[in-house]
Amino acid sequence: VGDIGNIVLRDRKLLADDGVFIAVVTISRRQGRIVSGPEIISRGFVYMKASEDLIKESTEITKKVVEDNLENKDFEWSTLKQEIRDSLSRYLFDKTKRRPVILPIIMEASSYLKK
């Protein structure tokens, strides 16, 4: 099992202290629109039912970042994910003074989907 790197230990500590916050979105790059989501999943950060306003606002923030990027058909996946991470991180820290690990999951819908 061996030597665990500093990064792995840091990530485990962050997860233990502040949990994880996941934003899942399915997009159609060709159509330039969101097909599904954003869906927010929180584990070890906030209780979803007791934090409906926080979840709703996080959904809106994620949606805006994705839509802004979809206006540019040549956007970079890594840039989109980083912008989601940065926007949510600022918002969540402002509201909770905690920094969960933020995982944006962006899926591209198959081109056969209809408008």
Protein backbone atom coordinates (compact mmCIF):
# COMPACT_ATOMS: atom_id res chain seq x y z
CA VAL A 1 0.00 0.00 0.00
CA GLY A 2 3.08 2.11 0.53
CA ASP A 3 3.80 5.79 0.65
CA ILE A 4 0.83 8.14 0.49
CA GLY A 5 1.70 11.46 -1.11
CA ASN A 6 1.15 14.84 0.48
CA ILE A 7 -1.58 15.69 -2.05
CA VAL A 8 -3.56 12.57 -1.19
CA LEU A 9 -3.29 13.32 2.52
CA ARG A 10 -4.34 16.93 1.97
CA ASP A 11 -7.37 15.86 -0.09
CA ARG A 12 -8.41 13.36 2.57
CA LYS A 13 -8.16 16.04 5.26
CA LEU A 14 -10.25 18.47 3.19
CA LEU A 15 -12.90 15.81 2.60
CA ALA A 16 -12.97 14.94 6.31
CA ASP A 17 -13.15 18.58 7.43
CA ASP A 18 -15.47 20.18 4.86
CA GLY A 19 -16.95 17.40 2.70
CA VAL A 20 -17.56 17.35 -1.02
CA PHE A 21 -19.88 19.42 -3.21
CA ILE A 22 -20.64 18.02 -6.67
CA ALA A 23 -22.25 19.87 -9.59
CA VAL A 24 -23.46 17.59 -12.41
CA VAL A 25 -24.53 19.05 -15.77
CA THR A 26 -25.23 17.48 -19.16
CA ILE A 27 -24.76 19.77 -22.14
CA SER A 28 -25.18 19.68 -25.89
CA ARG A 29 -22.19 21.48 -27.28
CA ARG A 30 -23.60 21.35 -30.80
CA GLN A 31 -26.90 22.91 -29.73
CA GLY A 32 -25.20 25.21 -27.24
CA ARG A 33 -27.53 24.41 -24.36
CA ILE A 34 -27.91 22.56 -21.09
CA VAL A 35 -29.71 19.25 -21.61
CA SER A 36 -29.97 18.21 -17.96
CA GLY A 37 -29.16 19.74 -14.60
CA PRO A 38 -27.39 21.26 -12.92
CA GLU A 39 -27.85 18.75 -10.11
CA ILE A 40 -26.09 19.45 -6.83
CA ILE A 41 -24.90 16.66 -4.53
CA SER A 42 -23.47 17.39 -1.09
CA ARG A 43 -21.74 14.83 1.12
CA GLY A 44 -20.30 15.80 4.47
CA PHE A 45 -20.76 19.52 3.77
CA VAL A 46 -24.38 20.59 4.30
CA TYR A 47 -27.60 18.69 4.86
CA MET A 48 -29.45 19.08 1.56
CA LYS A 49 -32.98 19.49 2.97
CA ALA A 50 -31.91 22.06 5.55
CA SER A 51 -29.95 24.06 2.97
CA GLU A 52 -32.44 24.46 0.13
CA ASP A 53 -31.58 28.13 -0.51
CA LEU A 54 -27.85 27.38 -0.65
CA ILE A 55 -28.45 24.48 -3.06
CA LYS A 56 -30.81 26.56 -5.23
CA GLU A 57 -28.34 29.45 -5.50
CA SER A 58 -25.47 27.03 -6.22
CA THR A 59 -27.57 25.53 -9.02
CA GLU A 60 -28.16 28.99 -10.50
CA ILE A 61 -24.46 29.91 -10.27
CA THR A 62 -23.48 26.68 -12.02
CA LYS A 63 -26.13 27.20 -14.72
CA LYS A 64 -24.93 30.75 -15.43
CA VAL A 65 -21.27 29.71 -15.72
CA VAL A 66 -22.17 26.86 -18.09
CA GLU A 67 -24.45 29.02 -20.24
CA ASP A 68 -21.83 31.77 -20.46
CA ASN A 69 -19.26 29.22 -21.67
CA LEU A 70 -21.67 27.61 -24.14
CA GLU A 71 -21.96 30.96 -25.95
CA ASN A 72 -18.41 30.26 -27.13
CA LYS A 73 -18.63 26.97 -29.04
CA ASP A 74 -14.83 26.56 -28.77
CA PHE A 75 -14.69 26.67 -24.97
CA GLU A 76 -12.22 24.46 -23.12
CA TRP A 77 -13.57 21.79 -20.78
CA SER A 78 -10.87 22.51 -18.22
CA THR A 79 -11.72 26.23 -18.24
CA LEU A 80 -15.43 25.51 -17.75
CA LYS A 81 -14.74 23.19 -14.82
CA GLN A 82 -12.35 25.66 -13.20
CA GLU A 83 -14.85 28.53 -13.55
CA ILE A 84 -17.55 26.41 -11.89
CA ARG A 85 -15.12 25.46 -9.12
CA ASP A 86 -14.05 29.07 -8.54
CA SER A 87 -17.59 30.51 -8.59
CA LEU A 88 -19.00 27.90 -6.24
CA SER A 89 -15.99 28.10 -3.94
CA ARG A 90 -16.41 31.87 -3.50
CA TYR A 91 -20.15 31.58 -2.92
CA LEU A 92 -19.97 28.64 -0.51
CA PHE A 93 -17.17 30.18 1.53
CA ASP A 94 -19.06 33.47 1.73
CA LYS A 95 -22.19 31.70 3.02
CA THR A 96 -20.67 28.98 5.23
CA LYS A 97 -17.01 29.90 5.89
CA ARG A 98 -16.15 26.35 4.78
CA ARG A 99 -14.29 25.07 1.72
CA PRO A 100 -15.61 21.73 0.50
CA VAL A 101 -13.88 19.86 -2.31
CA ILE A 102 -15.84 20.95 -5.39
CA LEU A 103 -16.22 18.44 -8.22
CA PRO A 104 -17.84 19.74 -11.41
CA ILE A 105 -18.98 16.83 -13.58
CA ILE A 106 -19.78 17.96 -17.12
CA MET A 107 -21.13 15.40 -19.56
CA GLU A 108 -21.70 15.98 -23.24
CA ALA A 109 -24.96 14.61 -24.65
CA SER A 110 -24.78 12.48 -27.75
CA SER A 111 -25.32 14.31 -31.00
CA TYR A 112 -28.46 12.30 -31.80
CA LEU A 113 -30.53 14.12 -29.15
CA LYS A 114 -33.27 16.30 -30.61
CA LYS A 115 -33.84 19.96 -29.77
